[in-house]
Amino acid sequence: ADIDGAFEGYASLFHRADLTRDIILPGAFRKSLAERGPKGI
């Protein structure tokens, strides 16, 4: 990670089943992100 603490990546992948058999679809986060923005998460 950067020396000043910056990092980036993917917190979720679409169309990929996890170990609990859940699949997150594109658009699933859209409303939440519009309401909160990154500062609210």
Full PDB file with SEQRES, HELIX, SHEET, SSBOND, CRYST1, ORIGX, SCALE, CONECT and MASTER records, all heavy atoms in Angstrom:
SEQRES   1 A   41  ALA ASP ILE ASP GLY ALA PHE GLU GLY TYR ALA SER LEU          
SEQRES   2 A   41  PHE HIS ARG ALA ASP LEU THR ARG ASP ILE ILE LEU PRO          
SEQRES   3 A   41  GLY ALA PHE ARG LYS SER LEU ALA GLU ARG GLY PRO LYS          
SEQRES   4 A   41  GLY ILE                                                      
HELIX    1 AA1 ARG A   30  ARG A   36  1                                   7    
HELIX    2 AA2 PRO A   38  GLY A   40  5                                   3    
CRYST1    1.000    1.000    1.000  90.00  90.00  90.00 P 1           1          
ORIGX1      1.000000  0.000000  0.000000        0.00000                         
ORIGX2      0.000000  1.000000  0.000000        0.00000                         
ORIGX3      0.000000  0.000000  1.000000        0.00000                         
SCALE1      1.000000  0.000000  0.000000        0.00000                         
SCALE2      0.000000  1.000000  0.000000        0.00000                         
SCALE3      0.000000  0.000000  1.000000        0.00000                         
ATOM      1  N   ALA A   1       0.862  -1.170   0.000  1.00  0.00           N  
ATOM      2  CA  ALA A   1       0.000   0.000   0.000  1.00  0.00           C  
ATOM      3  C   ALA A   1       0.897   1.216   0.000  1.00  0.00           C  
ATOM      4  O   ALA A   1       2.059   1.142   0.382  1.00  0.00           O  
ATOM      5  CB  ALA A   1      -0.916  -0.013   1.236  1.00  0.00           C  
ATOM      6  N   ASP A   2       0.352   2.320  -0.444  1.00  0.00           N  
ATOM      7  CA  ASP A   2       1.155   3.523  -0.523  1.00  0.00           C  
ATOM      8  C   ASP A   2       1.624   3.941   0.861  1.00  0.00           C  
ATOM      9  O   ASP A   2       0.981   3.662   1.879  1.00  0.00           O  
ATOM     10  CB  ASP A   2       0.330   4.645  -1.159  1.00  0.00           C  
ATOM     11  CG  ASP A   2       1.206   5.802  -1.597  1.00  0.00           C  
ATOM     12  OD1 ASP A   2       2.209   5.545  -2.279  1.00  0.00           O  
ATOM     13  OD2 ASP A   2       0.897   6.936  -1.237  1.00  0.00           O  
ATOM     14  N   ILE A   3       2.739   4.632   0.907  1.00  0.00           N  
ATOM     15  CA  ILE A   3       3.321   5.010   2.187  1.00  0.00           C  
ATOM     16  C   ILE A   3       2.397   5.935   2.972  1.00  0.00           C  
ATOM     17  O   ILE A   3       2.450   5.992   4.203  1.00  0.00           O  
ATOM     18  CB  ILE A   3       4.712   5.660   1.978  1.00  0.00           C  
ATOM     19  CG1 ILE A   3       5.456   5.739   3.314  1.00  0.00           C  
ATOM     20  CG2 ILE A   3       4.582   7.027   1.318  1.00  0.00           C  
ATOM     21  CD1 ILE A   3       6.913   6.096   3.158  1.00  0.00           C  
ATOM     22  N   ASP A   4       1.512   6.648   2.276  1.00  0.00           N  
ATOM     23  CA  ASP A   4       0.590   7.548   2.978  1.00  0.00           C  
ATOM     24  C   ASP A   4      -0.743   6.878   3.307  1.00  0.00           C  
ATOM     25  O   ASP A   4      -1.686   7.534   3.742  1.00  0.00           O  
ATOM     26  CB  ASP A   4       0.355   8.825   2.182  1.00  0.00           C  
ATOM     27  CG  ASP A   4      -0.358   8.576   0.856  1.00  0.00           C  
ATOM     28  OD1 ASP A   4      -0.587   7.399   0.515  1.00  0.00           O  
ATOM     29  OD2 ASP A   4      -0.688   9.562   0.173  1.00  0.00           O  
ATOM     30  N   GLY A   5      -0.814   5.560   3.098  1.00  0.00           N  
ATOM     31  CA  GLY A   5      -2.006   4.813   3.494  1.00  0.00           C  
ATOM     32  C   GLY A   5      -3.047   4.627   2.416  1.00  0.00           C  
ATOM     33  O   GLY A   5      -4.103   4.044   2.672  1.00  0.00           O  
ATOM     34  N   ALA A   6      -2.792   5.070   1.192  1.00  0.00           N  
ATOM     35  CA  ALA A   6      -3.771   4.936   0.112  1.00  0.00           C  
ATOM     36  C   ALA A   6      -3.749   3.518  -0.459  1.00  0.00           C  
ATOM     37  O   ALA A   6      -2.698   2.902  -0.584  1.00  0.00           O  
ATOM     38  CB  ALA A   6      -3.489   5.946  -0.988  1.00  0.00           C  
ATOM     39  N   PHE A   7      -4.922   3.001  -0.791  1.00  0.00           N  
ATOM     40  CA  PHE A   7      -5.026   1.689  -1.440  1.00  0.00           C  
ATOM     41  C   PHE A   7      -6.334   1.649  -2.210  1.00  0.00           C  
ATOM     42  O   PHE A   7      -7.220   2.487  -2.030  1.00  0.00           O  
ATOM     43  CB  PHE A   7      -4.978   0.555  -0.409  1.00  0.00           C  
ATOM     44  CG  PHE A   7      -6.138   0.533   0.534  1.00  0.00           C  
ATOM     45  CD1 PHE A   7      -7.223  -0.284   0.288  1.00  0.00           C  
ATOM     46  CD2 PHE A   7      -6.163   1.340   1.664  1.00  0.00           C  
ATOM     47  CE1 PHE A   7      -8.319  -0.314   1.152  1.00  0.00           C  
ATOM     48  CE2 PHE A   7      -7.239   1.325   2.531  1.00  0.00           C  
ATOM     49  CZ  PHE A   7      -8.321   0.500   2.276  1.00  0.00           C  
ATOM     50  N   GLU A   8      -6.471   0.674  -3.100  1.00  0.00           N  
ATOM     51  CA  GLU A   8      -7.693   0.535  -3.872  1.00  0.00           C  
ATOM     52  C   GLU A   8      -7.895  -0.908  -4.282  1.00  0.00           C  
ATOM     53  O   GLU A   8      -6.965  -1.709  -4.253  1.00  0.00           O  
ATOM     54  CB  GLU A   8      -7.667   1.442  -5.106  1.00  0.00           C  
ATOM     55  CG  GLU A   8      -6.518   1.190  -6.055  1.00  0.00           C  
ATOM     56  CD  GLU A   8      -6.472   2.238  -7.164  1.00  0.00           C  
ATOM     57  OE1 GLU A   8      -7.201   2.044  -8.159  1.00  0.00           O  
ATOM     58  OE2 GLU A   8      -5.736   3.229  -7.025  1.00  0.00           O  
ATOM     59  N   GLY A   9      -9.113  -1.245  -4.639  1.00  0.00           N  
ATOM     60  CA  GLY A   9      -9.406  -2.605  -5.059  1.00  0.00           C  
ATOM     61  C   GLY A   9     -10.891  -2.807  -5.259  1.00  0.00           C  
ATOM     62  O   GLY A   9     -11.627  -1.857  -5.478  1.00  0.00           O  
ATOM     63  N   TYR A  10     -11.341  -4.053  -5.190  1.00  0.00           N  
ATOM     64  CA  TYR A  10     -12.740  -4.391  -5.364  1.00  0.00           C  
ATOM     65  C   TYR A  10     -13.291  -4.973  -4.067  1.00  0.00           C  
ATOM     66  O   TYR A  10     -12.737  -5.927  -3.520  1.00  0.00           O  
ATOM     67  CB  TYR A  10     -12.930  -5.396  -6.498  1.00  0.00           C  
ATOM     68  CG  TYR A  10     -12.828  -4.763  -7.857  1.00  0.00           C  
ATOM     69  CD1 TYR A  10     -11.597  -4.682  -8.512  1.00  0.00           C  
ATOM     70  CD2 TYR A  10     -13.941  -4.222  -8.477  1.00  0.00           C  
ATOM     71  CE1 TYR A  10     -11.502  -4.070  -9.750  1.00  0.00           C  
ATOM     72  CE2 TYR A  10     -13.847  -3.612  -9.714  1.00  0.00           C  
ATOM     73  CZ  TYR A  10     -12.630  -3.535 -10.344  1.00  0.00           C  
ATOM     74  OH  TYR A  10     -12.530  -2.918 -11.556  1.00  0.00           O  
ATOM     75  N   ALA A  11     -14.371  -4.388  -3.579  1.00  0.00           N  
ATOM     76  CA  ALA A  11     -15.017  -4.885  -2.372  1.00  0.00           C  
ATOM     77  C   ALA A  11     -16.059  -5.942  -2.693  1.00  0.00           C  
ATOM     78  O   ALA A  11     -16.504  -6.667  -1.812  1.00  0.00           O  
ATOM     79  CB  ALA A  11     -15.678  -3.732  -1.617  1.00  0.00           C  
ATOM     80  N   SER A  12     -16.457  -6.041  -3.963  1.00  0.00           N  
ATOM     81  CA  SER A  12     -17.439  -7.039  -4.389  1.00  0.00           C  
ATOM     82  C   SER A  12     -17.296  -7.253  -5.880  1.00  0.00           C  
ATOM     83  O   SER A  12     -16.968  -6.322  -6.617  1.00  0.00           O  
ATOM     84  CB  SER A  12     -18.862  -6.549  -4.066  1.00  0.00           C  
ATOM     85  OG  SER A  12     -19.829  -7.461  -4.533  1.00  0.00           O  
ATOM     86  N   LEU A  13     -17.532  -8.484  -6.322  1.00  0.00           N  
ATOM     87  CA  LEU A  13     -17.530  -8.808  -7.739  1.00  0.00           C  
ATOM     88  C   LEU A  13     -18.929  -9.226  -8.163  1.00  0.00           C  
ATOM     89  O   LEU A  13     -19.594 -10.001  -7.472  1.00  0.00           O  
ATOM     90  CB  LEU A  13     -16.555  -9.958  -8.039  1.00  0.00           C  
ATOM     91  CG  LEU A  13     -15.075  -9.677  -7.852  1.00  0.00           C  
ATOM     92  CD1 LEU A  13     -14.270 -10.925  -8.170  1.00  0.00           C  
ATOM     93  CD2 LEU A  13     -14.626  -8.520  -8.722  1.00  0.00           C  
ATOM     94  N   PHE A  14     -19.374  -8.717  -9.300  1.00  0.00           N  
ATOM     95  CA  PHE A  14     -20.686  -9.073  -9.812  1.00  0.00           C  
ATOM     96  C   PHE A  14     -20.674 -10.474 -10.435  1.00  0.00           C  
ATOM     97  O   PHE A  14     -19.645 -10.939 -10.943  1.00  0.00           O  
ATOM     98  CB  PHE A  14     -21.137  -8.066 -10.873  1.00  0.00           C  
ATOM     99  CG  PHE A  14     -21.301  -6.670 -10.345  1.00  0.00           C  
ATOM    100  CD1 PHE A  14     -20.908  -5.573 -11.109  1.00  0.00           C  
ATOM    101  CD2 PHE A  14     -21.859  -6.436  -9.096  1.00  0.00           C  
ATOM    102  CE1 PHE A  14     -21.072  -4.280 -10.630  1.00  0.00           C  
ATOM    103  CE2 PHE A  14     -22.026  -5.151  -8.614  1.00  0.00           C  
ATOM    104  CZ  PHE A  14     -21.628  -4.072  -9.374  1.00  0.00           C  
ATOM    105  N   HIS A  15     -21.821 -11.118 -10.410  1.00  0.00           N  
ATOM    106  CA  HIS A  15     -22.045 -12.411 -11.072  1.00  0.00           C  
ATOM    107  C   HIS A  15     -21.148 -13.522 -10.522  1.00  0.00           C  
ATOM    108  O   HIS A  15     -20.948 -14.530 -11.190  1.00  0.00           O  
ATOM    109  CB  HIS A  15     -21.821 -12.302 -12.590  1.00  0.00           C  
ATOM    110  CG  HIS A  15     -22.665 -11.286 -13.269  1.00  0.00           C  
ATOM    111  ND1 HIS A  15     -24.039 -11.331 -13.276  1.00  0.00           N  
ATOM    112  CD2 HIS A  15     -22.316 -10.151 -13.944  1.00  0.00           C  
ATOM    113  CE1 HIS A  15     -24.509 -10.295 -13.954  1.00  0.00           C  
ATOM    114  NE2 HIS A  15     -23.491  -9.554 -14.357  1.00  0.00           N  
ATOM    115  N   ARG A  16     -20.626 -13.342  -9.327  1.00  0.00           N  
ATOM    116  CA  ARG A  16     -19.717 -14.340  -8.753  1.00  0.00           C  
ATOM    117  C   ARG A  16     -20.314 -14.876  -7.450  1.00  0.00           C  
ATOM    118  O   ARG A  16     -20.491 -14.139  -6.490  1.00  0.00           O  
ATOM    119  CB  ARG A  16     -18.351 -13.708  -8.484  1.00  0.00           C  
ATOM    120  CG  ARG A  16     -17.372 -14.630  -7.793  1.00  0.00           C  
ATOM    121  CD  ARG A  16     -16.851 -15.678  -8.742  1.00  0.00           C  
ATOM    122  NE  ARG A  16     -15.971 -16.610  -8.061  1.00  0.00           N  
ATOM    123  CZ  ARG A  16     -15.362 -17.629  -8.653  1.00  0.00           C  
ATOM    124  NH1 ARG A  16     -15.541 -17.833  -9.938  1.00  0.00           N  
ATOM    125  NH2 ARG A  16     -14.585 -18.439  -7.974  1.00  0.00           N  
ATOM    126  N   ALA A  17     -20.656 -16.148  -7.429  1.00  0.00           N  
ATOM    127  CA  ALA A  17     -21.229 -16.750  -6.227  1.00  0.00           C  
ATOM    128  C   ALA A  17     -20.166 -16.856  -5.141  1.00  0.00           C  
ATOM    129  O   ALA A  17     -19.036 -17.267  -5.391  1.00  0.00           O  
ATOM    130  CB  ALA A  17     -21.793 -18.125  -6.543  1.00  0.00           C  
ATOM    131  N   ASP A  18     -20.528 -16.464  -3.927  1.00  0.00           N  
ATOM    132  CA  ASP A  18     -19.605 -16.623  -2.817  1.00  0.00           C  
ATOM    133  C   ASP A  18     -19.896 -17.944  -2.107  1.00  0.00           C  
ATOM    134  O   ASP A  18     -20.702 -18.759  -2.576  1.00  0.00           O  
ATOM    135  CB  ASP A  18     -19.666 -15.421  -1.867  1.00  0.00           C  
ATOM    136  CG  ASP A  18     -21.023 -15.262  -1.196  1.00  0.00           C  
ATOM    137  OD1 ASP A  18     -21.779 -16.260  -1.116  1.00  0.00           O  
ATOM    138  OD2 ASP A  18     -21.339 -14.155  -0.749  1.00  0.00           O  
ATOM    139  N   LEU A  19     -19.266 -18.177  -0.988  1.00  0.00           N  
ATOM    140  CA  LEU A  19     -19.397 -19.457  -0.309  1.00  0.00           C  
ATOM    141  C   LEU A  19     -20.765 -19.668   0.325  1.00  0.00           C  
ATOM    142  O   LEU A  19     -21.090 -20.778   0.728  1.00  0.00           O  
ATOM    143  CB  LEU A  19     -18.298 -19.589   0.757  1.00  0.00           C  
ATOM    144  CG  LEU A  19     -16.865 -19.581   0.208  1.00  0.00           C  
ATOM    145  CD1 LEU A  19     -15.863 -19.757   1.336  1.00  0.00           C  
ATOM    146  CD2 LEU A  19     -16.671 -20.653  -0.846  1.00  0.00           C  
ATOM    147  N   THR A  20     -21.571 -18.611   0.415  1.00  0.00           N  
ATOM    148  CA  THR A  20     -22.938 -18.760   0.921  1.00  0.00           C  
ATOM    149  C   THR A  20     -23.954 -18.799  -0.214  1.00  0.00           C  
ATOM    150  O   THR A  20     -25.157 -18.703   0.019  1.00  0.00           O  
ATOM    151  CB  THR A  20     -23.299 -17.603   1.882  1.00  0.00           C  
ATOM    152  OG1 THR A  20     -23.300 -16.375   1.158  1.00  0.00           O  
ATOM    153  CG2 THR A  20     -22.309 -17.520   3.035  1.00  0.00           C  
ATOM    154  N   ARG A  21     -23.468 -18.913  -1.454  1.00  0.00           N  
ATOM    155  CA  ARG A  21     -24.306 -19.001  -2.657  1.00  0.00           C  
ATOM    156  C   ARG A  21     -25.049 -17.702  -2.941  1.00  0.00           C  
ATOM    157  O   ARG A  21     -26.119 -17.723  -3.573  1.00  0.00           O  
ATOM    158  CB  ARG A  21     -25.283 -20.175  -2.564  1.00  0.00           C  
ATOM    159  CG  ARG A  21     -24.617 -21.525  -2.484  1.00  0.00           C  
ATOM    160  CD  ARG A  21     -25.635 -22.636  -2.456  1.00  0.00           C  
ATOM    161  NE  ARG A  21     -24.999 -23.944  -2.389  1.00  0.00           N  
ATOM    162  CZ  ARG A  21     -25.646 -25.099  -2.322  1.00  0.00           C  
ATOM    163  NH1 ARG A  21     -26.967 -25.104  -2.326  1.00  0.00           N  
ATOM    164  NH2 ARG A  21     -24.988 -26.236  -2.247  1.00  0.00           N  
ATOM    165  N   ASP A  22     -24.513 -16.603  -2.520  1.00  0.00           N  
ATOM    166  CA  ASP A  22     -25.068 -15.296  -2.863  1.00  0.00           C  
ATOM    167  C   ASP A  22     -24.348 -14.741  -4.084  1.00  0.00           C  
ATOM    168  O   ASP A  22     -23.126 -14.870  -4.203  1.00  0.00           O  
ATOM    169  CB  ASP A  22     -24.913 -14.317  -1.709  1.00  0.00           C  
ATOM    170  CG  ASP A  22     -26.041 -14.441  -0.699  1.00  0.00           C  
ATOM    171  OD1 ASP A  22     -26.984 -15.224  -0.939  1.00  0.00           O  
ATOM    172  OD2 ASP A  22     -25.975 -13.755   0.340  1.00  0.00           O  
ATOM    173  N   ILE A  23     -25.106 -14.127  -4.980  1.00  0.00           N  
ATOM    174  CA  ILE A  23     -24.574 -13.477  -6.178  1.00  0.00           C  
ATOM    175  C   ILE A  23     -25.070 -12.039  -6.176  1.00  0.00           C  
ATOM    176  O   ILE A  23     -26.284 -11.791  -6.101  1.00  0.00           O  
ATOM    177  CB  ILE A  23     -25.024 -14.196  -7.461  1.00  0.00           C  
ATOM    178  CG1 ILE A  23     -24.487 -15.630  -7.485  1.00  0.00           C  
ATOM    179  CG2 ILE A  23     -24.577 -13.424  -8.698  1.00  0.00           C  
ATOM    180  CD1 ILE A  23     -25.025 -16.470  -8.631  1.00  0.00           C  
ATOM    181  N   ILE A  24     -24.150 -11.088  -6.246  1.00  0.00           N  
ATOM    182  CA  ILE A  24     -24.529  -9.678  -6.303  1.00  0.00           C  
ATOM    183  C   ILE A  24     -24.577  -9.229  -7.758  1.00  0.00           C  
ATOM    184  O   ILE A  24     -23.645  -9.488  -8.527  1.00  0.00           O  
ATOM    185  CB  ILE A  24     -23.555  -8.817  -5.495  1.00  0.00           C  
ATOM    186  CG1 ILE A  24     -23.632  -9.219  -4.007  1.00  0.00           C  
ATOM    187  CG2 ILE A  24     -23.867  -7.335  -5.656  1.00  0.00           C  
ATOM    188  CD1 ILE A  24     -22.731  -8.428  -3.097  1.00  0.00           C  
ATOM    189  N   LEU A  25     -25.649  -8.578  -8.133  1.00  0.00           N  
ATOM    190  CA  LEU A  25     -25.874  -8.169  -9.518  1.00  0.00           C  
ATOM    191  C   LEU A  25     -25.496  -6.708  -9.727  1.00  0.00           C  
ATOM    192  O   LEU A  25     -25.541  -5.895  -8.789  1.00  0.00           O  
ATOM    193  CB  LEU A  25     -27.340  -8.382  -9.890  1.00  0.00           C  
ATOM    194  CG  LEU A  25     -27.870  -9.817  -9.751  1.00  0.00           C  
ATOM    195  CD1 LEU A  25     -29.337  -9.868 -10.167  1.00  0.00           C  
ATOM    196  CD2 LEU A  25     -27.047 -10.782 -10.600  1.00  0.00           C  
ATOM    197  N   PRO A  26     -25.118  -6.338 -10.955  1.00  0.00           N  
ATOM    198  CA  PRO A  26     -24.839  -4.922 -11.260  1.00  0.00           C  
ATOM    199  C   PRO A  26     -26.029  -4.043 -10.901  1.00  0.00           C  
ATOM    200  O   PRO A  26     -27.180  -4.415 -11.129  1.00  0.00           O  
ATOM    201  CB  PRO A  26     -24.578  -4.938 -12.768  1.00  0.00           C  
ATOM    202  CG  PRO A  26     -24.131  -6.328 -13.064  1.00  0.00           C  
ATOM    203  CD  PRO A  26     -24.893  -7.215 -12.128  1.00  0.00           C  
ATOM    204  N   GLY A  27     -25.738  -2.890 -10.338  1.00  0.00           N  
ATOM    205  CA  GLY A  27     -26.791  -1.975  -9.935  1.00  0.00           C  
ATOM    206  C   GLY A  27     -27.253  -2.163  -8.499  1.00  0.00           C  
ATOM    207  O   GLY A  27     -28.018  -1.342  -7.986  1.00  0.00           O  
ATOM    208  N   ALA A  28     -26.773  -3.215  -7.842  1.00  0.00           N  
ATOM    209  CA  ALA A  28     -27.229  -3.509  -6.481  1.00  0.00           C  
ATOM    210  C   ALA A  28     -26.876  -2.394  -5.499  1.00  0.00           C  
ATOM    211  O   ALA A  28     -27.597  -2.154  -4.528  1.00  0.00           O  
ATOM    212  CB  ALA A  28     -26.646  -4.835  -6.003  1.00  0.00           C  
ATOM    213  N   PHE A  29     -25.762  -1.700  -5.744  1.00  0.00           N  
ATOM    214  CA  PHE A  29     -25.305  -0.668  -4.814  1.00  0.00           C  
ATOM    215  C   PHE A  29     -25.730   0.745  -5.241  1.00  0.00           C  
ATOM    216  O   PHE A  29     -25.447   1.702  -4.516  1.00  0.00           O  
ATOM    217  CB  PHE A  29     -23.774  -0.702  -4.707  1.00  0.00           C  
ATOM    218  CG  PHE A  29     -23.228  -2.026  -4.262  1.00  0.00           C  
ATOM    219  CD1 PHE A  29     -22.683  -2.911  -5.187  1.00  0.00           C  
ATOM    220  CD2 PHE A  29     -23.232  -2.393  -2.930  1.00  0.00           C  
ATOM    221  CE1 PHE A  29     -22.163  -4.132  -4.786  1.00  0.00           C  
ATOM    222  CE2 PHE A  29     -22.715  -3.609  -2.508  1.00  0.00           C  
ATOM    223  CZ  PHE A  29     -22.189  -4.477  -3.444  1.00  0.00           C  
ATOM    224  N   ARG A  30     -26.356   0.873  -6.388  1.00  0.00           N  
ATOM    225  CA  ARG A  30     -26.571   2.190  -6.993  1.00  0.00           C  
ATOM    226  C   ARG A  30     -27.346   3.144  -6.073  1.00  0.00           C  
ATOM    227  O   ARG A  30     -26.920   4.275  -5.827  1.00  0.00           O  
ATOM    228  CB  ARG A  30     -27.311   2.024  -8.321  1.00  0.00           C  
ATOM    229  CG  ARG A  30     -27.464   3.327  -9.105  1.00  0.00           C  
ATOM    230  CD  ARG A  30     -28.186   3.082 -10.405  1.00  0.00           C  
ATOM    231  NE  ARG A  30     -27.422   2.164 -11.252  1.00  0.00           N  
ATOM    232  CZ  ARG A  30     -27.933   1.076 -11.828  1.00  0.00           C  
ATOM    233  NH1 ARG A  30     -29.209   0.771 -11.651  1.00  0.00           N  
ATOM    234  NH2 ARG A  30     -27.187   0.309 -12.578  1.00  0.00           N  
ATOM    235  N   LYS A  31     -28.464   2.703  -5.551  1.00  0.00           N  
ATOM    236  CA  LYS A  31     -29.300   3.572  -4.721  1.00  0.00           C  
ATOM    237  C   LYS A  31     -28.566   3.955  -3.436  1.00  0.00           C  
ATOM    238  O   LYS A  31     -28.573   5.118  -3.021  1.00  0.00           O  
ATOM    239  CB  LYS A  31     -30.612   2.870  -4.396  1.00  0.00           C  
ATOM    240  CG  LYS A  31     -31.612   3.715  -3.619  1.00  0.00           C  
ATOM    241  CD  LYS A  31     -32.939   2.975  -3.479  1.00  0.00           C  
ATOM    242  CE  LYS A  31     -33.997   3.848  -2.795  1.00  0.00           C  
ATOM    243  NZ  LYS A  31     -33.656   4.122  -1.390  1.00  0.00           N  
ATOM    244  N   SER A  32     -27.914   2.991  -2.832  1.00  0.00           N  
ATOM    245  CA  SER A  32     -27.197   3.239  -1.579  1.00  0.00           C  
ATOM    246  C   SER A  32     -26.078   4.246  -1.783  1.00  0.00           C  
ATOM    247  O   SER A  32     -25.889   5.161  -0.964  1.00  0.00           O  
ATOM    248  CB  SER A  32     -26.645   1.916  -1.042  1.00  0.00           C  
ATOM    249  OG  SER A  32     -26.049   2.083   0.208  1.00  0.00           O  
ATOM    250  N   LEU A  33     -25.330   4.113  -2.867  1.00  0.00           N  
ATOM    251  CA  LEU A  33     -24.223   5.029  -3.136  1.00  0.00           C  
ATOM    252  C   LEU A  33     -24.736   6.434  -3.441  1.00  0.00           C  
ATOM    253  O   LEU A  33     -24.112   7.426  -3.045  1.00  0.00           O  
ATOM    254  CB  LEU A  33     -23.375   4.510  -4.297  1.00  0.00           C  
ATOM    255  CG  LEU A  33     -22.599   3.215  -4.033  1.00  0.00           C  
ATOM    256  CD1 LEU A  33     -21.865   2.782  -5.287  1.00  0.00           C  
ATOM    257  CD2 LEU A  33     -21.619   3.392  -2.879  1.00  0.00           C  
ATOM    258  N   ALA A  34     -25.861   6.512  -4.141  1.00  0.00           N  
ATOM    259  CA  ALA A  34     -26.428   7.821  -4.460  1.00  0.00           C  
ATOM    260  C   ALA A  34     -26.887   8.532  -3.190  1.00  0.00           C  
ATOM    261  O   ALA A  34     -26.767   9.761  -3.071  1.00  0.00           O  
ATOM    262  CB  ALA A  34     -27.594   7.663  -5.431  1.00  0.00           C  
ATOM    263  N   GLU A  35     -27.411   7.783  -2.255  1.00  0.00           N  
ATOM    264  CA  GLU A  35     -27.921   8.379  -1.023  1.00  0.00           C  
ATOM    265  C   GLU A  35     -26.809   8.762  -0.053  1.00  0.00           C  
ATOM    266  O   GLU A  35     -26.872   9.811   0.591  1.00  0.00           O  
ATOM    267  CB  GLU A  35     -28.884   7.402  -0.338  1.00  0.00           C  
ATOM    268  CG  GLU A  35     -30.194   7.209  -1.091  1.00  0.00           C  
ATOM    269  CD  GLU A  35     -31.080   6.165  -0.436  1.00  0.00           C  
ATOM    270  OE1 GLU A  35     -30.598   5.453   0.480  1.00  0.00           O  
ATOM    271  OE2 GLU A  35     -32.257   6.059  -0.848  1.00  0.00           O  
ATOM    272  N   ARG A  36     -25.788   7.907   0.065  1.00  0.00           N  
ATOM    273  CA  ARG A  36     -24.760   8.124   1.083  1.00  0.00           C  
ATOM    274  C   ARG A  36     -23.490   8.751   0.537  1.00  0.00           C  
ATOM    275  O   ARG A  36     -22.852   9.558   1.212  1.00  0.00           O  
ATOM    276  CB  ARG A  36     -24.407   6.794   1.753  1.00  0.00           C  
ATOM    277  CG  ARG A  36     -25.461   6.274   2.686  1.00  0.00           C  
ATOM    278  CD  ARG A  36     -24.877   5.189   3.581  1.00  0.00           C  
ATOM    279  NE  ARG A  36     -25.870   4.796   4.578  1.00  0.00           N  
ATOM    280  CZ  ARG A  36     -26.713   3.801   4.424  1.00  0.00           C  
ATOM    281  NH1 ARG A  36     -26.696   3.101   3.314  1.00  0.00           N  
ATOM    282  NH2 ARG A  36     -27.588   3.508   5.364  1.00  0.00           N  
ATOM    283  N   GLY A  37     -23.082   8.340  -0.657  1.00  0.00           N  
ATOM    284  CA  GLY A  37     -21.778   8.753  -1.168  1.00  0.00           C  
ATOM    285  C   GLY A  37     -20.680   8.070  -0.383  1.00  0.00           C  
ATOM    286  O   GLY A  37     -20.916   7.464   0.674  1.00  0.00           O  
ATOM    287  N   PRO A  38     -19.425   8.139  -0.869  1.00  0.00           N  
ATOM    288  CA  PRO A  38     -18.325   7.437  -0.193  1.00  0.00           C  
ATOM    289  C   PRO A  38     -18.094   7.917   1.237  1.00  0.00           C  
ATOM    290  O   PRO A  38     -17.693   7.134   2.103  1.00  0.00           O  
ATOM    291  CB  PRO A  38     -17.111   7.711  -1.085  1.00  0.00           C  
ATOM    292  CG  PRO A  38     -17.499   8.876  -1.933  1.00  0.00           C  
ATOM    293  CD  PRO A  38     -18.981   8.807  -2.102  1.00  0.00           C  
ATOM    294  N   LYS A  39     -18.339   9.187   1.515  1.00  0.00           N  
ATOM    295  CA  LYS A  39     -18.108   9.719   2.862  1.00  0.00           C  
ATOM    296  C   LYS A  39     -19.098   9.165   3.879  1.00  0.00           C  
ATOM    297  O   LYS A  39     -18.830   9.173   5.083  1.00  0.00           O  
ATOM    298  CB  LYS A  39     -18.184  11.247   2.861  1.00  0.00           C  
ATOM    299  CG  LYS A  39     -17.122  11.924   1.999  1.00  0.00           C  
ATOM    300  CD  LYS A  39     -15.710  11.618   2.486  1.00  0.00           C  
ATOM    301  CE  LYS A  39     -14.677  12.371   1.666  1.00  0.00           C  
ATOM    302  NZ  LYS A  39     -13.290  12.030   2.058  1.00  0.00           N  
ATOM    303  N   GLY A  40     -20.252   8.692   3.398  1.00  0.00           N  
ATOM    304  CA  GLY A  40     -21.259   8.161   4.301  1.00  0.00           C  
ATOM    305  C   GLY A  40     -21.136   6.675   4.550  1.00  0.00           C  
ATOM    306  O   GLY A  40     -21.945   6.096   5.281  1.00  0.00           O  
ATOM    307  N   ILE A  41     -20.142   6.036   3.944  1.00  0.00           N  
ATOM    308  CA  ILE A  41     -19.903   4.606   4.134  1.00  0.00           C  
ATOM    309  C   ILE A  41     -18.606   4.446   4.922  1.00  0.00           C  
ATOM    310  O   ILE A  41     -17.566   4.949   4.516  1.00  0.00           O  
ATOM    311  CB  ILE A  41     -19.836   3.886   2.773  1.00  0.00           C  
ATOM    312  CG1 ILE A  41     -21.206   3.996   2.094  1.00  0.00           C  
ATOM    313  CG2 ILE A  41     -19.430   2.430   2.952  1.00  0.00           C  
ATOM    314  CD1 ILE A  41     -21.218   3.549   0.663  1.00  0.00           C  
TER     315      ILE A  41                                                      
MASTER        0    0    0    2    0    0    0    6  314    1    0    4          
END                                                                             
